[in-house]
Every structure is written in structure tokens, then in C-alpha cells.
Amino acid sequence: MSRFIQDEARHQTTLFPEALDNYITEENLLCVIDAFADSIDLSGLAFKTTPAGTGRPAYHTSMMLKLFIIRSSPRPSAVSG
């Protein structure tokens, strides 16, 4: 059993006719964040990822870092002008 919840492959086909990666351009901030978080070696930062015996596996620390950065990044205003 894996110590982490495995994320789904983004290149797999979905309910839509194409894979989700086809909707996101390489210049998109999401691709930059994804590449940045994957390039960091988080193993030496002493994150505690040992799940309880009765619980589900933890999310991988790089996935949590990506979510944190995405949610912390500035968004375009919903109201323009």
C-alpha cells in the first residue's frame, strides 16, 4: 500500500473528448507551478506523512504545495473596469 494518495494522470482521457492537458497552454501559470513544485526535493524538509493505521494515505507533499501556491496566487478580478 502506498504512503500517499495517488493523483490521476493528467494525460488520460476523461468524460470530455480530449485529455485535460490539451485545454491548458504551456504558458499558463498552472504549468509553471506544476513544473516548479515537481523540481523541488521535498524529502529533506521533514514533513510528517505517516498516516494512522485506520486512516487513508496522506496527499503527497508536492501536490499540497501545488494547491497552496495556486490558491495563494493572484487572480484576475471578476469585475473589470
N, C-alpha and C. Protein backbone atom coordinates (compact mmCIF):
# COMPACT_ATOMS: atom_id res chain seq x y z
N MET A 1 0.85 -1.18 0.00
CA MET A 1 0.00 0.00 0.00
C MET A 1 0.89 1.24 0.00
N SER A 2 0.55 2.19 -0.83
CA SER A 2 1.33 3.41 -0.96
C SER A 2 1.11 4.31 0.25
N ARG A 3 2.14 5.09 0.57
CA ARG A 3 2.03 6.03 1.68
C ARG A 3 1.22 7.26 1.30
N PHE A 4 1.02 7.48 0.00
CA PHE A 4 0.33 8.67 -0.47
C PHE A 4 -0.86 8.29 -1.33
N ILE A 5 -1.85 9.18 -1.38
CA ILE A 5 -2.94 9.04 -2.33
C ILE A 5 -2.37 9.37 -3.70
N GLN A 6 -2.56 8.50 -4.66
CA GLN A 6 -2.00 8.71 -5.99
C GLN A 6 -2.92 9.63 -6.79
N ASP A 7 -2.32 10.64 -7.43
CA ASP A 7 -3.12 11.51 -8.28
C ASP A 7 -3.34 10.85 -9.63
N GLU A 8 -4.36 11.31 -10.32
CA GLU A 8 -4.68 10.75 -11.62
C GLU A 8 -3.74 11.33 -12.67
N ALA A 9 -3.45 10.56 -13.68
CA ALA A 9 -2.61 11.05 -14.77
C ALA A 9 -3.40 12.10 -15.56
N ARG A 10 -2.79 13.27 -15.74
CA ARG A 10 -3.49 14.36 -16.41
C ARG A 10 -3.64 14.13 -17.91
N HIS A 11 -2.87 13.23 -18.47
CA HIS A 11 -2.94 12.99 -19.91
C HIS A 11 -3.95 11.92 -20.27
N GLN A 12 -4.60 11.31 -19.28
CA GLN A 12 -5.58 10.29 -19.58
C GLN A 12 -6.85 10.93 -20.12
N THR A 13 -7.58 10.21 -20.92
CA THR A 13 -8.82 10.75 -21.45
C THR A 13 -9.86 10.75 -20.35
N THR A 14 -10.80 11.65 -20.48
CA THR A 14 -11.83 11.82 -19.46
C THR A 14 -13.20 11.74 -20.11
N LEU A 15 -14.18 12.26 -19.44
CA LEU A 15 -15.53 12.32 -19.97
C LEU A 15 -15.58 13.22 -21.21
N PHE A 16 -14.66 14.16 -21.28
CA PHE A 16 -14.56 15.06 -22.42
C PHE A 16 -13.85 14.35 -23.57
N PRO A 17 -13.97 14.86 -24.78
CA PRO A 17 -13.34 14.17 -25.91
C PRO A 17 -11.82 14.19 -25.90
N GLU A 18 -11.19 15.14 -25.18
CA GLU A 18 -9.73 15.24 -25.17
C GLU A 18 -9.23 15.15 -23.74
N ALA A 19 -7.93 15.00 -23.59
CA ALA A 19 -7.31 14.99 -22.27
C ALA A 19 -7.28 16.41 -21.71
N LEU A 20 -7.29 16.56 -20.39
CA LEU A 20 -7.33 17.88 -19.77
C LEU A 20 -6.10 18.71 -20.06
N ASP A 21 -4.95 18.08 -20.26
CA ASP A 21 -3.74 18.83 -20.59
C ASP A 21 -3.87 19.58 -21.91
N ASN A 22 -4.75 19.15 -22.78
CA ASN A 22 -4.94 19.83 -24.06
C ASN A 22 -5.65 21.17 -23.90
N TYR A 23 -6.30 21.41 -22.78
CA TYR A 23 -7.01 22.66 -22.55
C TYR A 23 -6.14 23.71 -21.87
N ILE A 24 -4.98 23.32 -21.39
CA ILE A 24 -4.10 24.23 -20.66
C ILE A 24 -2.84 24.45 -21.50
N THR A 25 -2.57 25.72 -21.85
CA THR A 25 -1.39 26.02 -22.65
C THR A 25 -0.14 25.95 -21.79
N GLU A 26 1.01 25.81 -22.44
CA GLU A 26 2.28 25.72 -21.71
C GLU A 26 2.63 27.02 -21.01
N GLU A 27 2.07 28.15 -21.47
CA GLU A 27 2.35 29.45 -20.86
C GLU A 27 1.47 29.71 -19.63
N ASN A 28 0.53 28.84 -19.37
CA ASN A 28 -0.38 29.02 -18.25
C ASN A 28 0.36 28.91 -16.93
N LEU A 29 -0.08 29.69 -15.95
CA LEU A 29 0.53 29.68 -14.63
C LEU A 29 0.49 28.28 -14.00
N LEU A 30 -0.54 27.50 -14.30
CA LEU A 30 -0.64 26.15 -13.73
C LEU A 30 0.53 25.27 -14.16
N CYS A 31 0.95 25.40 -15.40
CA CYS A 31 2.09 24.60 -15.89
C CYS A 31 3.39 25.03 -15.21
N VAL A 32 3.53 26.32 -14.97
CA VAL A 32 4.72 26.83 -14.29
C VAL A 32 4.77 26.31 -12.86
N ILE A 33 3.63 26.38 -12.16
CA ILE A 33 3.56 25.91 -10.78
C ILE A 33 3.81 24.41 -10.72
N ASP A 34 3.25 23.66 -11.66
CA ASP A 34 3.43 22.21 -11.69
C ASP A 34 4.90 21.86 -11.87
N ALA A 35 5.57 22.51 -12.82
CA ALA A 35 6.99 22.23 -13.06
C ALA A 35 7.84 22.66 -11.87
N PHE A 36 7.52 23.79 -11.27
CA PHE A 36 8.28 24.29 -10.13
C PHE A 36 8.18 23.33 -8.94
N ALA A 37 6.95 22.92 -8.59
CA ALA A 37 6.76 22.06 -7.43
C ALA A 37 7.37 20.67 -7.66
N ASP A 38 7.33 20.19 -8.90
CA ASP A 38 7.93 18.89 -9.19
C ASP A 38 9.46 18.93 -9.17
N SER A 39 10.04 20.11 -9.36
CA SER A 39 11.50 20.21 -9.41
C SER A 39 12.14 20.32 -8.03
N ILE A 40 11.34 20.57 -7.00
CA ILE A 40 11.87 20.75 -5.65
C ILE A 40 11.98 19.39 -4.95
N ASP A 41 13.09 19.15 -4.29
CA ASP A 41 13.27 17.94 -3.49
C ASP A 41 12.70 18.20 -2.10
N LEU A 42 11.50 17.70 -1.84
CA LEU A 42 10.82 17.95 -0.57
C LEU A 42 11.13 16.88 0.48
N SER A 43 11.89 15.87 0.11
CA SER A 43 12.13 14.76 1.04
C SER A 43 12.97 15.18 2.24
N GLY A 44 13.83 16.16 2.09
CA GLY A 44 14.69 16.58 3.19
C GLY A 44 14.10 17.63 4.10
N LEU A 45 12.83 17.99 3.89
CA LEU A 45 12.22 19.06 4.68
C LEU A 45 11.45 18.55 5.89
N ALA A 46 11.54 17.28 6.18
CA ALA A 46 10.98 16.66 7.39
C ALA A 46 9.47 16.84 7.52
N PHE A 47 8.73 16.69 6.42
CA PHE A 47 7.28 16.68 6.52
C PHE A 47 6.84 15.34 7.09
N LYS A 48 5.91 15.35 7.99
CA LYS A 48 5.40 14.11 8.58
C LYS A 48 4.25 13.61 7.72
N THR A 49 4.45 12.48 7.06
CA THR A 49 3.43 11.93 6.17
C THR A 49 3.04 10.51 6.53
N THR A 50 3.24 10.12 7.76
CA THR A 50 2.89 8.77 8.18
C THR A 50 1.41 8.74 8.56
N PRO A 51 0.58 8.04 7.79
CA PRO A 51 -0.84 8.00 8.10
C PRO A 51 -1.13 7.08 9.29
N ALA A 52 -2.24 7.32 9.93
CA ALA A 52 -2.68 6.44 11.01
C ALA A 52 -3.04 5.08 10.42
N GLY A 53 -3.01 4.06 11.23
CA GLY A 53 -3.31 2.72 10.76
C GLY A 53 -4.72 2.57 10.23
N THR A 54 -5.64 3.40 10.69
CA THR A 54 -7.03 3.30 10.27
C THR A 54 -7.39 4.34 9.22
N GLY A 55 -6.49 5.27 8.94
CA GLY A 55 -6.81 6.37 8.03
C GLY A 55 -6.35 6.12 6.61
N ARG A 56 -6.73 7.04 5.75
CA ARG A 56 -6.29 7.00 4.36
C ARG A 56 -4.87 7.50 4.26
N PRO A 57 -4.17 7.17 3.18
CA PRO A 57 -2.83 7.72 2.98
C PRO A 57 -2.88 9.23 2.83
N ALA A 58 -1.80 9.88 3.16
CA ALA A 58 -1.72 11.34 3.05
C ALA A 58 -1.55 11.73 1.59
N TYR A 59 -1.91 12.97 1.28
CA TYR A 59 -1.61 13.50 -0.05
C TYR A 59 -0.12 13.77 -0.13
N HIS A 60 0.46 13.61 -1.30
CA HIS A 60 1.88 13.85 -1.49
C HIS A 60 2.17 15.32 -1.23
N THR A 61 3.32 15.59 -0.63
CA THR A 61 3.66 16.96 -0.25
C THR A 61 3.79 17.88 -1.46
N SER A 62 4.23 17.36 -2.60
CA SER A 62 4.31 18.23 -3.79
C SER A 62 2.93 18.61 -4.29
N MET A 63 1.94 17.71 -4.16
CA MET A 63 0.58 18.05 -4.55
C MET A 63 0.00 19.12 -3.62
N MET A 64 0.28 19.00 -2.33
CA MET A 64 -0.21 20.00 -1.38
C MET A 64 0.47 21.35 -1.63
N LEU A 65 1.75 21.34 -1.99
CA LEU A 65 2.46 22.58 -2.31
C LEU A 65 1.84 23.24 -3.54
N LYS A 66 1.51 22.45 -4.56
CA LYS A 66 0.88 22.99 -5.76
C LYS A 66 -0.46 23.65 -5.42
N LEU A 67 -1.26 22.98 -4.62
CA LEU A 67 -2.55 23.56 -4.22
C LEU A 67 -2.37 24.85 -3.44
N PHE A 68 -1.40 24.88 -2.54
CA PHE A 68 -1.15 26.08 -1.75
C PHE A 68 -0.73 27.25 -2.64
N ILE A 69 0.17 26.99 -3.58
CA ILE A 69 0.64 28.06 -4.47
C ILE A 69 -0.49 28.55 -5.38
N ILE A 70 -1.27 27.62 -5.92
CA ILE A 70 -2.37 28.01 -6.81
C ILE A 70 -3.39 28.85 -6.06
N ARG A 71 -3.75 28.43 -4.85
CA ARG A 71 -4.75 29.18 -4.08
C ARG A 71 -4.20 30.51 -3.57
N SER A 72 -2.88 30.64 -3.45
CA SER A 72 -2.28 31.89 -2.98
C SER A 72 -1.97 32.86 -4.11
N SER A 73 -2.03 32.40 -5.34
CA SER A 73 -1.67 33.26 -6.46
C SER A 73 -2.79 34.26 -6.75
N PRO A 74 -2.42 35.45 -7.24
CA PRO A 74 -3.45 36.46 -7.56
C PRO A 74 -4.30 36.01 -8.73
N ARG A 75 -5.56 36.37 -8.67
CA ARG A 75 -6.49 36.02 -9.73
C ARG A 75 -6.97 37.30 -10.41
N PRO A 76 -7.32 37.21 -11.70
CA PRO A 76 -7.91 38.38 -12.35
C PRO A 76 -9.23 38.73 -11.69
N SER A 77 -9.52 39.99 -11.62
CA SER A 77 -10.76 40.44 -10.97
C SER A 77 -11.97 39.97 -11.77
N ALA A 78 -13.01 39.57 -11.06
CA ALA A 78 -14.24 39.15 -11.73
C ALA A 78 -14.95 40.34 -12.35
N VAL A 79 -14.73 41.51 -11.78
CA VAL A 79 -15.35 42.73 -12.29
C VAL A 79 -14.26 43.54 -12.98
N SER A 80 -14.41 43.75 -14.26
CA SER A 80 -13.39 44.52 -14.98
C SER A 80 -13.80 45.98 -15.06
N GLY A 81 -12.80 46.84 -15.15
CA GLY A 81 -13.08 48.26 -15.33
C GLY A 81 -12.73 49.05 -14.22
